Structures are given as structure tokens and as C-alpha cells.
Amino acid sequence: MSQVGAGRPAKPKRADARRNYERLVHEAGLAFAEKGAQASLDDIAKRAGVGSGTLYRHFPTREALMEAVYVGQFDELAEQARRLAAELPPAEALFAWLAALGDQIVRVRALKTLLGAAVAEGGAALVVQCGDVLKAAAAELLAAAQEAGEVRADLTHLELLRLNHAMVAAAELAGDGPKDIGRYQQLLLEGVRAKP
């Protein structure tokens, strides 16, 4: 797996700066949960009791702030990938992890935007180091399933993550929640299985 903390904004050392950082992350988490990824950054700063300049000093981009809010969830997904790889056959581990990832994207509205940026063309230019953790987990699970001959050999981990992301978006468009996601997930998994 990639180094989990690489490239992330470091927590400030001074007590007042650290408090501001933590308040911003807390208020951003609430705002993103309420309004999604496009929550107003100025409103987040106001709710945290700081000026916009303080927010941008800690988090120069929206993605950097989102990453700080959701870093724990990315780490949990990476840990879940390791656990599933140790407990299940390769394809089952991959498919169970993709289902968990899809569920997480649905439950945490702003994650869809952050994950989309992480797997988009040029996404590496964004401050989305959490995406590296996700890509590494997907790559390891996919490689194991391909080596076992259970998943088609021409599939890349980025294609898989993009297809999973598209599946969640399609389920949201259909508006029927978990039922649609389960159906789309099944279609996706059947499509990527290796043909006998």
C-alpha cells in the first residue's frame, strides 16, 4: 500500500492554529454531510469561527479540505481491503471491497466528488493523496484476482474504480437506492469476471 500520510496537509504545531485546523475539519465534515461537496467554504470558515484566509492557509483547495475530513474513511477502506484479501478468495475479496466502497460513496455524499477527482484523468494534479491509498488497495486486490484467473486480465485498477464510481452514479439517478446499487453491482461484477 502507498504511504498513507504522504502529501497531506500537516496538522499545525501551535495550539491556536491546531484548534483552528480541528474546528475547520469538524465544521467541514458537518457541512459536506448536509450540502455535499459544494458546501460553501466561506460558510465553513464562518461556522468554525475563523476567517476565510485562515481556512485557505490550512487548506489551499477544496480537495485538500475534503481529504482532511475523509482521511479516516480512506484509511478504513484500505484496511478493509487488506482484511478481505486475507480472509476471502481473490475475486470475492475484490467484489466485497467494491461493494463496501460503493456503499460508502452513497452514505457519504461528498466522497463521490473526491473519489471522482482521484480516479479522473489529471486527478493526480489535485491534492488527493487519499486517492493513492484507494488506488493501491484496488490495484492489489485486482492483481490477486487476475493472477487467480478469476477477473479478466485486460482490466486496470483505474478502469475498475471508474466503473464502480459510474455504477453508484447510475444507482443515484435511478433513485431506488440500495436495490439499484445491488443490481448494478452484479452487472459490473459479471462484466469483469474472466470468461471460462
N, C-alpha and C. Protein backbone atom coordinates (compact mmCIF):
# COMPACT_ATOMS: atom_id res chain seq x y z
N MET A 1 0.85 -1.18 0.00
CA MET A 1 0.00 0.00 0.00
C MET A 1 0.89 1.24 0.00
N SER A 2 0.35 2.35 -0.51
CA SER A 2 1.12 3.58 -0.52
C SER A 2 1.19 4.16 0.88
N GLN A 3 2.12 5.07 1.06
CA GLN A 3 2.27 5.72 2.35
C GLN A 3 1.04 6.53 2.63
N VAL A 4 0.32 6.20 3.70
CA VAL A 4 -0.99 6.79 3.96
C VAL A 4 -0.90 8.29 4.15
N GLY A 5 0.11 8.81 4.84
CA GLY A 5 0.14 10.23 5.15
C GLY A 5 0.84 11.09 4.12
N ALA A 6 1.33 10.51 3.03
CA ALA A 6 2.12 11.26 2.07
C ALA A 6 1.34 12.39 1.45
N GLY A 7 1.92 13.61 1.50
CA GLY A 7 1.32 14.74 0.80
C GLY A 7 0.15 15.39 1.48
N ARG A 8 -0.31 14.90 2.61
CA ARG A 8 -1.45 15.50 3.27
C ARG A 8 -1.02 16.74 4.03
N PRO A 9 -1.93 17.71 4.20
CA PRO A 9 -1.56 18.88 4.98
C PRO A 9 -1.20 18.46 6.40
N ALA A 10 -0.06 18.90 6.88
CA ALA A 10 0.35 18.56 8.24
C ALA A 10 -0.47 19.37 9.23
N LYS A 11 -0.81 18.73 10.35
CA LYS A 11 -1.51 19.47 11.39
C LYS A 11 -0.57 20.51 11.96
N PRO A 12 -1.08 21.73 12.17
CA PRO A 12 -0.21 22.79 12.70
C PRO A 12 0.28 22.46 14.11
N LYS A 13 1.44 23.05 14.47
CA LYS A 13 2.05 22.77 15.77
C LYS A 13 1.57 23.73 16.86
N ARG A 14 1.35 25.00 16.54
CA ARG A 14 0.89 25.95 17.56
C ARG A 14 -0.52 25.59 18.02
N ALA A 15 -0.79 25.77 19.30
CA ALA A 15 -2.08 25.35 19.88
C ALA A 15 -3.26 26.06 19.22
N ASP A 16 -3.16 27.38 18.99
CA ASP A 16 -4.29 28.10 18.39
C ASP A 16 -4.50 27.68 16.94
N ALA A 17 -3.40 27.48 16.21
CA ALA A 17 -3.51 27.04 14.82
C ALA A 17 -4.09 25.62 14.75
N ARG A 18 -3.67 24.78 15.69
CA ARG A 18 -4.19 23.40 15.73
C ARG A 18 -5.69 23.40 16.02
N ARG A 19 -6.12 24.27 16.97
CA ARG A 19 -7.56 24.36 17.27
C ARG A 19 -8.34 24.83 16.04
N ASN A 20 -7.81 25.82 15.34
CA ASN A 20 -8.48 26.31 14.11
C ASN A 20 -8.59 25.19 13.08
N TYR A 21 -7.49 24.47 12.90
CA TYR A 21 -7.46 23.35 11.95
C TYR A 21 -8.55 22.33 12.31
N GLU A 22 -8.59 21.94 13.57
CA GLU A 22 -9.55 20.93 14.01
C GLU A 22 -10.98 21.41 13.90
N ARG A 23 -11.22 22.70 14.23
CA ARG A 23 -12.58 23.25 14.07
C ARG A 23 -12.99 23.27 12.61
N LEU A 24 -12.06 23.66 11.74
CA LEU A 24 -12.36 23.69 10.30
C LEU A 24 -12.71 22.30 9.79
N VAL A 25 -11.93 21.30 10.18
CA VAL A 25 -12.19 19.93 9.73
C VAL A 25 -13.55 19.45 10.25
N HIS A 26 -13.84 19.74 11.52
CA HIS A 26 -15.12 19.32 12.11
C HIS A 26 -16.29 19.99 11.39
N GLU A 27 -16.23 21.31 11.23
CA GLU A 27 -17.34 22.03 10.59
C GLU A 27 -17.47 21.65 9.12
N ALA A 28 -16.35 21.40 8.45
CA ALA A 28 -16.41 20.97 7.05
C ALA A 28 -17.10 19.62 6.94
N GLY A 29 -16.81 18.71 7.87
CA GLY A 29 -17.47 17.41 7.86
C GLY A 29 -18.98 17.55 7.98
N LEU A 30 -19.43 18.44 8.86
CA LEU A 30 -20.88 18.67 9.01
C LEU A 30 -21.46 19.30 7.75
N ALA A 31 -20.75 20.29 7.21
CA ALA A 31 -21.25 20.98 6.01
C ALA A 31 -21.31 20.06 4.80
N PHE A 32 -20.26 19.24 4.60
CA PHE A 32 -20.26 18.32 3.47
C PHE A 32 -21.38 17.28 3.63
N ALA A 33 -21.64 16.85 4.85
CA ALA A 33 -22.72 15.88 5.09
C ALA A 33 -24.08 16.51 4.78
N GLU A 34 -24.24 17.78 5.11
CA GLU A 34 -25.53 18.46 4.88
C GLU A 34 -25.73 18.85 3.42
N LYS A 35 -24.67 19.41 2.81
CA LYS A 35 -24.83 20.05 1.50
C LYS A 35 -24.04 19.40 0.38
N GLY A 36 -23.27 18.37 0.70
CA GLY A 36 -22.47 17.73 -0.33
C GLY A 36 -21.16 18.46 -0.55
N ALA A 37 -20.45 18.05 -1.57
CA ALA A 37 -19.09 18.54 -1.83
C ALA A 37 -19.03 20.02 -2.16
N GLN A 38 -20.15 20.61 -2.58
CA GLN A 38 -20.14 22.02 -2.98
C GLN A 38 -20.52 22.96 -1.85
N ALA A 39 -20.50 22.47 -0.62
CA ALA A 39 -20.78 23.35 0.52
C ALA A 39 -19.86 24.56 0.46
N SER A 40 -20.38 25.71 0.84
CA SER A 40 -19.63 26.96 0.77
C SER A 40 -18.44 26.94 1.74
N LEU A 41 -17.25 27.20 1.21
CA LEU A 41 -16.06 27.26 2.05
C LEU A 41 -16.11 28.46 2.98
N ASP A 42 -16.67 29.58 2.50
CA ASP A 42 -16.81 30.76 3.37
C ASP A 42 -17.72 30.45 4.56
N ASP A 43 -18.82 29.70 4.30
CA ASP A 43 -19.71 29.32 5.40
C ASP A 43 -19.01 28.39 6.38
N ILE A 44 -18.19 27.49 5.87
CA ILE A 44 -17.44 26.57 6.74
C ILE A 44 -16.52 27.38 7.65
N ALA A 45 -15.82 28.36 7.07
CA ALA A 45 -14.92 29.20 7.87
C ALA A 45 -15.71 29.95 8.94
N LYS A 46 -16.86 30.50 8.55
CA LYS A 46 -17.70 31.24 9.49
C LYS A 46 -18.17 30.34 10.63
N ARG A 47 -18.63 29.14 10.28
CA ARG A 47 -19.10 28.19 11.30
C ARG A 47 -17.98 27.79 12.25
N ALA A 48 -16.74 27.76 11.74
CA ALA A 48 -15.60 27.40 12.58
C ALA A 48 -15.09 28.58 13.39
N GLY A 49 -15.65 29.77 13.13
CA GLY A 49 -15.24 30.95 13.89
C GLY A 49 -13.91 31.53 13.44
N VAL A 50 -13.57 31.31 12.17
CA VAL A 50 -12.31 31.86 11.63
C VAL A 50 -12.61 32.58 10.32
N GLY A 51 -11.65 33.33 9.85
CA GLY A 51 -11.80 34.00 8.56
C GLY A 51 -11.46 33.06 7.41
N SER A 52 -11.89 33.46 6.22
CA SER A 52 -11.61 32.64 5.03
C SER A 52 -10.11 32.47 4.80
N GLY A 53 -9.33 33.52 5.12
CA GLY A 53 -7.88 33.44 4.94
C GLY A 53 -7.27 32.31 5.77
N THR A 54 -7.80 32.12 6.99
CA THR A 54 -7.31 31.04 7.84
C THR A 54 -7.62 29.70 7.21
N LEU A 55 -8.83 29.56 6.67
CA LEU A 55 -9.20 28.30 6.01
C LEU A 55 -8.23 28.02 4.86
N TYR A 56 -7.99 29.01 4.01
CA TYR A 56 -7.13 28.78 2.84
C TYR A 56 -5.66 28.60 3.22
N ARG A 57 -5.25 29.14 4.36
CA ARG A 57 -3.88 28.89 4.81
C ARG A 57 -3.70 27.41 5.16
N HIS A 58 -4.70 26.83 5.78
CA HIS A 58 -4.63 25.41 6.14
C HIS A 58 -4.95 24.51 4.96
N PHE A 59 -5.91 24.94 4.14
CA PHE A 59 -6.42 24.09 3.05
C PHE A 59 -6.51 24.92 1.77
N PRO A 60 -5.46 24.91 0.94
CA PRO A 60 -5.45 25.77 -0.25
C PRO A 60 -6.51 25.41 -1.30
N THR A 61 -7.03 24.18 -1.25
CA THR A 61 -8.06 23.78 -2.22
C THR A 61 -9.20 23.07 -1.48
N ARG A 62 -10.33 23.04 -2.13
CA ARG A 62 -11.49 22.29 -1.60
C ARG A 62 -11.10 20.82 -1.39
N GLU A 63 -10.37 20.26 -2.36
CA GLU A 63 -9.98 18.86 -2.26
C GLU A 63 -9.11 18.59 -1.04
N ALA A 64 -8.22 19.54 -0.71
CA ALA A 64 -7.36 19.38 0.47
C ALA A 64 -8.19 19.35 1.74
N LEU A 65 -9.23 20.19 1.82
CA LEU A 65 -10.11 20.19 2.98
C LEU A 65 -10.91 18.89 3.04
N MET A 66 -11.44 18.47 1.90
CA MET A 66 -12.21 17.22 1.86
C MET A 66 -11.33 16.05 2.27
N GLU A 67 -10.10 16.07 1.81
CA GLU A 67 -9.18 14.98 2.15
C GLU A 67 -8.96 14.91 3.66
N ALA A 68 -8.79 16.07 4.29
CA ALA A 68 -8.59 16.09 5.74
C ALA A 68 -9.81 15.56 6.48
N VAL A 69 -10.99 15.88 5.95
CA VAL A 69 -12.23 15.41 6.58
C VAL A 69 -12.37 13.90 6.45
N TYR A 70 -12.03 13.36 5.28
CA TYR A 70 -12.34 11.96 4.99
C TYR A 70 -11.14 11.02 5.06
N VAL A 71 -9.99 11.51 5.53
CA VAL A 71 -8.79 10.67 5.56
C VAL A 71 -9.04 9.37 6.32
N GLY A 72 -9.75 9.43 7.41
CA GLY A 72 -10.02 8.22 8.20
C GLY A 72 -10.81 7.19 7.42
N GLN A 73 -11.75 7.64 6.61
CA GLN A 73 -12.55 6.69 5.84
C GLN A 73 -11.74 6.03 4.74
N PHE A 74 -10.81 6.77 4.14
CA PHE A 74 -9.93 6.16 3.14
C PHE A 74 -9.04 5.11 3.80
N ASP A 75 -8.52 5.46 4.97
CA ASP A 75 -7.67 4.51 5.68
C ASP A 75 -8.45 3.25 6.06
N GLU A 76 -9.71 3.42 6.47
CA GLU A 76 -10.55 2.26 6.80
C GLU A 76 -10.78 1.39 5.57
N LEU A 77 -11.01 2.03 4.41
CA LEU A 77 -11.20 1.25 3.18
C LEU A 77 -9.94 0.47 2.82
N ALA A 78 -8.77 1.09 3.01
CA ALA A 78 -7.51 0.39 2.73
C ALA A 78 -7.33 -0.78 3.69
N GLU A 79 -7.65 -0.57 4.95
CA GLU A 79 -7.54 -1.65 5.94
C GLU A 79 -8.53 -2.77 5.62
N GLN A 80 -9.73 -2.39 5.20
CA GLN A 80 -10.73 -3.39 4.83
C GLN A 80 -10.25 -4.22 3.65
N ALA A 81 -9.58 -3.59 2.69
CA ALA A 81 -9.03 -4.32 1.54
C ALA A 81 -8.03 -5.37 2.02
N ARG A 82 -7.15 -4.99 2.94
CA ARG A 82 -6.16 -5.94 3.47
C ARG A 82 -6.84 -7.10 4.20
N ARG A 83 -7.85 -6.77 5.00
CA ARG A 83 -8.56 -7.80 5.76
C ARG A 83 -9.27 -8.77 4.82
N LEU A 84 -9.98 -8.24 3.84
CA LEU A 84 -10.71 -9.09 2.90
C LEU A 84 -9.74 -9.98 2.10
N ALA A 85 -8.60 -9.42 1.71
CA ALA A 85 -7.60 -10.20 0.95
C ALA A 85 -7.09 -11.38 1.77
N ALA A 86 -7.02 -11.20 3.08
CA ALA A 86 -6.53 -12.28 3.95
C ALA A 86 -7.61 -13.32 4.24
N GLU A 87 -8.88 -12.93 4.13
CA GLU A 87 -9.97 -13.82 4.56
C GLU A 87 -10.70 -14.53 3.41
N LEU A 88 -10.70 -13.94 2.22
CA LEU A 88 -11.52 -14.47 1.13
C LEU A 88 -10.69 -14.82 -0.09
N PRO A 89 -11.24 -15.68 -0.97
CA PRO A 89 -10.58 -15.90 -2.26
C PRO A 89 -10.47 -14.57 -3.02
N PRO A 90 -9.49 -14.43 -3.91
CA PRO A 90 -9.20 -13.13 -4.52
C PRO A 90 -10.39 -12.40 -5.15
N ALA A 91 -11.17 -13.05 -6.00
CA ALA A 91 -12.28 -12.35 -6.64
C ALA A 91 -13.34 -11.95 -5.63
N GLU A 92 -13.63 -12.83 -4.68
CA GLU A 92 -14.61 -12.49 -3.64
C GLU A 92 -14.15 -11.30 -2.82
N ALA A 93 -12.87 -11.25 -2.50
CA ALA A 93 -12.32 -10.12 -1.74
C ALA A 93 -12.48 -8.83 -2.53
N LEU A 94 -12.14 -8.88 -3.82
CA LEU A 94 -12.26 -7.69 -4.68
C LEU A 94 -13.71 -7.23 -4.75
N PHE A 95 -14.63 -8.15 -5.00
CA PHE A 95 -16.03 -7.78 -5.17
C PHE A 95 -16.66 -7.28 -3.86
N ALA A 96 -16.27 -7.90 -2.75
CA ALA A 96 -16.78 -7.43 -1.45
C ALA A 96 -16.27 -6.02 -1.16
N TRP A 97 -15.02 -5.76 -1.52
CA TRP A 97 -14.47 -4.43 -1.28
C TRP A 97 -15.13 -3.39 -2.17
N LEU A 98 -15.38 -3.73 -3.42
CA LEU A 98 -16.07 -2.78 -4.32
C LEU A 98 -17.47 -2.47 -3.80
N ALA A 99 -18.16 -3.48 -3.27
CA ALA A 99 -19.49 -3.25 -2.70
C ALA A 99 -19.41 -2.31 -1.51
N ALA A 100 -18.40 -2.51 -0.66
CA ALA A 100 -18.22 -1.63 0.50
C ALA A 100 -17.89 -0.21 0.07
N LEU A 101 -17.06 -0.08 -0.96
CA LEU A 101 -16.71 1.23 -1.49
C LEU A 101 -17.95 1.93 -2.04
N GLY A 102 -18.77 1.21 -2.82
CA GLY A 102 -20.00 1.79 -3.36
C GLY A 102 -20.94 2.24 -2.25
N ASP A 103 -21.05 1.42 -1.23
CA ASP A 103 -21.91 1.77 -0.09
C ASP A 103 -21.40 3.03 0.61
N GLN A 104 -20.11 3.13 0.77
CA GLN A 104 -19.51 4.30 1.42
C GLN A 104 -19.77 5.57 0.61
N ILE A 105 -19.65 5.46 -0.71
CA ILE A 105 -19.89 6.62 -1.57
C ILE A 105 -21.33 7.10 -1.44
N VAL A 106 -22.27 6.17 -1.36
CA VAL A 106 -23.68 6.53 -1.23
C VAL A 106 -23.96 7.18 0.12
N ARG A 107 -23.38 6.63 1.17
CA ARG A 107 -23.65 7.13 2.52
C ARG A 107 -23.00 8.49 2.79
N VAL A 108 -21.83 8.73 2.22
CA VAL A 108 -21.11 9.98 2.46
C VAL A 108 -21.09 10.77 1.16
N ARG A 109 -22.03 11.69 1.04
CA ARG A 109 -22.29 12.36 -0.23
C ARG A 109 -21.05 12.98 -0.87
N ALA A 110 -20.24 13.66 -0.09
CA ALA A 110 -19.09 14.37 -0.66
C ALA A 110 -18.00 13.43 -1.16
N LEU A 111 -17.99 12.19 -0.70
CA LEU A 111 -16.96 11.25 -1.15
C LEU A 111 -17.01 11.02 -2.65
N LYS A 112 -18.21 11.08 -3.22
CA LYS A 112 -18.34 10.82 -4.65
C LYS A 112 -17.48 11.82 -5.44
N THR A 113 -17.52 13.08 -5.05
CA THR A 113 -16.73 14.10 -5.74
C THR A 113 -15.24 13.86 -5.53
N LEU A 114 -14.84 13.58 -4.30
CA LEU A 114 -13.43 13.37 -4.00
C LEU A 114 -12.89 12.13 -4.70
N LEU A 115 -13.66 11.05 -4.68
CA LEU A 115 -13.22 9.82 -5.34
C LEU A 115 -13.22 10.00 -6.85
N GLY A 116 -14.20 10.74 -7.37
CA GLY A 116 -14.22 11.01 -8.81
C GLY A 116 -12.96 11.75 -9.24
N ALA A 117 -12.57 12.75 -8.43
CA ALA A 117 -11.34 13.51 -8.74
C ALA A 117 -10.12 12.60 -8.66
N ALA A 118 -10.14 11.67 -7.73
CA ALA A 118 -8.98 10.79 -7.52
C ALA A 118 -8.75 9.86 -8.70
N VAL A 119 -9.81 9.47 -9.41
CA VAL A 119 -9.66 8.50 -10.49
C VAL A 119 -9.86 9.12 -11.88
N ALA A 120 -10.01 10.46 -11.92
CA ALA A 120 -10.18 11.14 -13.20
C ALA A 120 -8.84 11.34 -13.88
N GLU A 121 -8.88 11.57 -15.20
CA GLU A 121 -7.66 11.95 -15.92
C GLU A 121 -7.16 13.25 -15.31
N GLY A 122 -5.89 13.30 -15.02
CA GLY A 122 -5.32 14.50 -14.43
C GLY A 122 -5.60 14.64 -12.95
N GLY A 123 -6.29 13.66 -12.37
CA GLY A 123 -6.62 13.73 -10.95
C GLY A 123 -5.40 13.80 -10.06
N ALA A 124 -4.28 13.29 -10.53
CA ALA A 124 -3.06 13.30 -9.72
C ALA A 124 -2.59 14.73 -9.45
N ALA A 125 -2.98 15.68 -10.30
CA ALA A 125 -2.57 17.06 -10.10
C ALA A 125 -3.29 17.69 -8.92
N LEU A 126 -4.41 17.11 -8.51
CA LEU A 126 -5.14 17.62 -7.36
C LEU A 126 -4.48 17.14 -6.08
N VAL A 127 -4.79 17.83 -4.99
CA VAL A 127 -4.28 17.38 -3.70
C VAL A 127 -5.20 16.29 -3.19
N VAL A 128 -5.07 15.10 -3.75
CA VAL A 128 -5.94 13.99 -3.40
C VAL A 128 -5.06 12.78 -3.12
N GLN A 129 -4.20 12.90 -2.11
CA GLN A 129 -3.31 11.79 -1.79
C GLN A 129 -4.10 10.59 -1.28
N CYS A 130 -5.28 10.85 -0.70
CA CYS A 130 -6.12 9.73 -0.26
C CYS A 130 -6.44 8.82 -1.44
N GLY A 131 -6.53 9.41 -2.62
CA GLY A 131 -6.81 8.61 -3.81
C GLY A 131 -5.72 7.59 -4.06
N ASP A 132 -4.48 7.92 -3.69
CA ASP A 132 -3.38 6.96 -3.86
C ASP A 132 -3.60 5.73 -2.99
N VAL A 133 -4.11 5.94 -1.78
CA VAL A 133 -4.40 4.82 -0.88
C VAL A 133 -5.47 3.93 -1.51
N LEU A 134 -6.50 4.56 -2.04
CA LEU A 134 -7.59 3.83 -2.68
C LEU A 134 -7.12 3.07 -3.91
N LYS A 135 -6.33 3.73 -4.75
CA LYS A 135 -5.83 3.09 -5.97
C LYS A 135 -4.93 1.91 -5.64
N ALA A 136 -4.08 2.06 -4.61
CA ALA A 136 -3.19 0.97 -4.23
C ALA A 136 -3.99 -0.24 -3.75
N ALA A 137 -5.03 0.01 -2.97
CA ALA A 137 -5.88 -1.09 -2.48
C ALA A 137 -6.55 -1.79 -3.64
N ALA A 138 -7.11 -1.01 -4.57
CA ALA A 138 -7.78 -1.59 -5.74
C ALA A 138 -6.79 -2.38 -6.59
N ALA A 139 -5.61 -1.82 -6.79
CA ALA A 139 -4.60 -2.48 -7.63
C ALA A 139 -4.19 -3.83 -7.04
N GLU A 140 -3.99 -3.87 -5.73
CA GLU A 140 -3.56 -5.13 -5.10
C GLU A 140 -4.65 -6.19 -5.15
N LEU A 141 -5.88 -5.79 -4.86
CA LEU A 141 -6.99 -6.76 -4.93
C LEU A 141 -7.21 -7.25 -6.35
N LEU A 142 -7.16 -6.33 -7.31
CA LEU A 142 -7.36 -6.71 -8.70
C LEU A 142 -6.25 -7.63 -9.20
N ALA A 143 -5.01 -7.31 -8.87
CA ALA A 143 -3.88 -8.15 -9.32
C ALA A 143 -4.02 -9.58 -8.79
N ALA A 144 -4.44 -9.71 -7.54
CA ALA A 144 -4.60 -11.06 -6.96
C ALA A 144 -5.71 -11.82 -7.68
N ALA A 145 -6.81 -11.13 -7.99
CA ALA A 145 -7.93 -11.79 -8.69
C ALA A 145 -7.54 -12.15 -10.12
N GLN A 146 -6.73 -11.31 -10.75
CA GLN A 146 -6.27 -11.61 -12.11
C GLN A 146 -5.29 -12.78 -12.11
N GLU A 147 -4.39 -12.80 -11.14
CA GLU A 147 -3.43 -13.91 -11.05
C GLU A 147 -4.14 -15.23 -10.81
N ALA A 148 -5.26 -15.18 -10.11
CA ALA A 148 -6.04 -16.39 -9.85
C ALA A 148 -6.90 -16.77 -11.06
N GLY A 149 -6.89 -15.94 -12.10
CA GLY A 149 -7.67 -16.22 -13.31
C GLY A 149 -9.17 -15.98 -13.13
N GLU A 150 -9.55 -15.21 -12.12
CA GLU A 150 -10.97 -15.00 -11.82
C GLU A 150 -11.53 -13.71 -12.41
N VAL A 151 -10.64 -12.79 -12.78
CA VAL A 151 -11.06 -11.50 -13.33
C VAL A 151 -10.28 -11.28 -14.62
N ARG A 152 -10.93 -10.68 -15.60
CA ARG A 152 -10.28 -10.50 -16.90
C ARG A 152 -8.95 -9.78 -16.77
N ALA A 153 -7.99 -10.23 -17.57
CA ALA A 153 -6.61 -9.77 -17.44
C ALA A 153 -6.39 -8.37 -18.02
N ASP A 154 -7.30 -7.91 -18.88
CA ASP A 154 -7.07 -6.62 -19.54
C ASP A 154 -7.66 -5.44 -18.76
N LEU A 155 -8.21 -5.68 -17.59
CA LEU A 155 -8.82 -4.64 -16.77
C LEU A 155 -7.76 -3.97 -15.90
N THR A 156 -7.78 -2.63 -15.84
CA THR A 156 -6.86 -1.92 -14.95
C THR A 156 -7.61 -1.50 -13.68
N HIS A 157 -6.85 -1.24 -12.64
CA HIS A 157 -7.49 -0.83 -11.39
C HIS A 157 -8.21 0.51 -11.54
N LEU A 158 -7.68 1.42 -12.37
CA LEU A 158 -8.37 2.70 -12.58
C LEU A 158 -9.68 2.49 -13.32
N GLU A 159 -9.68 1.62 -14.33
CA GLU A 159 -10.94 1.32 -15.02
C GLU A 159 -11.96 0.75 -14.06
N LEU A 160 -11.52 -0.14 -13.20
CA LEU A 160 -12.42 -0.76 -12.23
C LEU A 160 -13.01 0.28 -11.29
N LEU A 161 -12.17 1.18 -10.77
CA LEU A 161 -12.65 2.23 -9.86
C LEU A 161 -13.61 3.17 -10.58
N ARG A 162 -13.31 3.48 -11.84
CA ARG A 162 -14.20 4.37 -12.61
C ARG A 162 -15.54 3.69 -12.88
N LEU A 163 -15.51 2.41 -13.21
CA LEU A 163 -16.77 1.68 -13.42
C LEU A 163 -17.59 1.62 -12.13
N ASN A 164 -16.92 1.40 -11.02
CA ASN A 164 -17.62 1.35 -9.74
C ASN A 164 -18.24 2.72 -9.43
N HIS A 165 -17.49 3.77 -9.71
CA HIS A 165 -17.97 5.13 -9.49
C HIS A 165 -19.19 5.41 -10.37
N ALA A 166 -19.12 4.99 -11.63
CA ALA A 166 -20.23 5.18 -12.56
C ALA A 166 -21.46 4.40 -12.12
N MET A 167 -21.24 3.20 -11.57
CA MET A 167 -22.34 2.38 -11.08
C MET A 167 -23.10 3.10 -9.96
N VAL A 168 -22.36 3.73 -9.05
CA VAL A 168 -23.00 4.46 -7.95
C VAL A 168 -23.81 5.63 -8.52
N ALA A 169 -23.23 6.35 -9.48
CA ALA A 169 -23.94 7.47 -10.09
C ALA A 169 -25.21 7.00 -10.79
N ALA A 170 -25.14 5.86 -11.47
CA ALA A 170 -26.32 5.31 -12.16
C ALA A 170 -27.40 4.93 -11.15
N ALA A 171 -27.01 4.35 -10.03
CA ALA A 171 -27.97 3.97 -9.00
C ALA A 171 -28.62 5.21 -8.40
N GLU A 172 -27.85 6.26 -8.22
CA GLU A 172 -28.42 7.51 -7.69
C GLU A 172 -29.42 8.10 -8.67
N LEU A 173 -29.10 8.05 -9.96
CA LEU A 173 -30.02 8.57 -10.98
C LEU A 173 -31.34 7.81 -10.98
N ALA A 174 -31.25 6.50 -10.79
CA ALA A 174 -32.46 5.68 -10.78
C ALA A 174 -33.30 5.97 -9.56
N GLY A 175 -32.67 6.44 -8.48
CA GLY A 175 -33.40 6.88 -7.32
C GLY A 175 -33.95 5.81 -6.41
N ASP A 176 -33.56 4.55 -6.62
CA ASP A 176 -34.12 3.49 -5.79
C ASP A 176 -33.10 2.93 -4.82
N GLY A 177 -32.02 3.65 -4.62
CA GLY A 177 -31.06 3.34 -3.57
C GLY A 177 -30.43 1.96 -3.62
N PRO A 178 -30.37 1.29 -2.46
CA PRO A 178 -29.64 0.03 -2.33
C PRO A 178 -30.05 -1.04 -3.33
N LYS A 179 -31.34 -1.11 -3.67
CA LYS A 179 -31.80 -2.13 -4.63
C LYS A 179 -31.10 -1.94 -5.98
N ASP A 180 -31.05 -0.69 -6.45
CA ASP A 180 -30.40 -0.41 -7.73
C ASP A 180 -28.90 -0.67 -7.65
N ILE A 181 -28.29 -0.26 -6.55
CA ILE A 181 -26.85 -0.46 -6.42
C ILE A 181 -26.52 -1.95 -6.47
N GLY A 182 -27.30 -2.77 -5.79
CA GLY A 182 -27.08 -4.21 -5.82
C GLY A 182 -27.17 -4.76 -7.23
N ARG A 183 -28.16 -4.31 -7.98
CA ARG A 183 -28.33 -4.77 -9.36
C ARG A 183 -27.17 -4.32 -10.24
N TYR A 184 -26.80 -3.05 -10.17
CA TYR A 184 -25.70 -2.54 -10.98
C TYR A 184 -24.38 -3.19 -10.59
N GLN A 185 -24.22 -3.42 -9.29
CA GLN A 185 -23.01 -4.08 -8.81
C GLN A 185 -22.89 -5.47 -9.45
N GLN A 186 -24.00 -6.21 -9.48
CA GLN A 186 -23.99 -7.54 -10.06
C GLN A 186 -23.62 -7.50 -11.54
N LEU A 187 -24.19 -6.53 -12.25
CA LEU A 187 -23.88 -6.39 -13.68
C LEU A 187 -22.39 -6.05 -13.88
N LEU A 188 -21.87 -5.17 -13.05
CA LEU A 188 -20.46 -4.80 -13.14
C LEU A 188 -19.58 -6.01 -12.89
N LEU A 189 -19.88 -6.76 -11.85
CA LEU A 189 -19.03 -7.90 -11.50
C LEU A 189 -19.09 -8.99 -12.55
N GLU A 190 -20.27 -9.22 -13.12
CA GLU A 190 -20.37 -10.21 -14.19
C GLU A 190 -19.55 -9.77 -15.39
N GLY A 191 -19.53 -8.46 -15.65
CA GLY A 191 -18.78 -7.93 -16.79
C GLY A 191 -17.28 -8.04 -16.66
N VAL A 192 -16.77 -8.01 -15.42
CA VAL A 192 -15.31 -8.04 -15.26
C VAL A 192 -14.77 -9.44 -14.95
N ARG A 193 -15.65 -10.41 -14.73
CA ARG A 193 -15.17 -11.77 -14.48
C ARG A 193 -14.47 -12.33 -15.72
N ALA A 194 -13.47 -13.14 -15.48
CA ALA A 194 -12.78 -13.81 -16.59
C ALA A 194 -13.73 -14.82 -17.21
N LYS A 195 -13.71 -14.89 -18.54
CA LYS A 195 -14.57 -15.85 -19.25
C LYS A 195 -13.88 -17.21 -19.25
N PRO A 196 -14.67 -18.29 -19.01
CA PRO A 196 -14.08 -19.64 -18.99
C PRO A 196 -13.54 -20.05 -20.35
